[in-house]
Amino acid sequence: MPDYKNSCVCKERYNGLNCAHFLTNWLIENKKMQPNLAGCYTCPSGRPIRAADVRNHYFIPNFTLTADPGKKECFIYCINNDNGREHVYYGTKNHCSAGTGLYSDATKYEYYI
């Protein structure tokens, strides 16, 4: 797939929500996801912008939740249970291959392969 970019075709940026926004733009641009995914709050170009929406409406229906993917790259949803902040990216727990980076404050991780 073409390289990931921290941007979207809509040119918008959403404070605190760009992890899902830019990850889904990458997926859509690479024909791995359709725009305007049902149940998701989206940017003007139809890219979901909330991590929880990506988890609930893309990861869960299309991938298998695994406790330990080993060193295999996968989609990752993580959350800080203390403050409720959520994050999504593609990679491993310690390496982000596509996304706005790791979330070092996460207290819970879900791995989707």
Foldseek 3Di string as FASTA:
>chain_A
DDAQDQAAPLRDDDVLQSQQQRLQRVCVVVVNDPFQQPPADHDPVRGGRHLVCCCVRPQVVPFDKDPDPDQDWFWKWFAQVVPGRIHIAIGHQQDGRHGPDHDVNTPDMIGTD
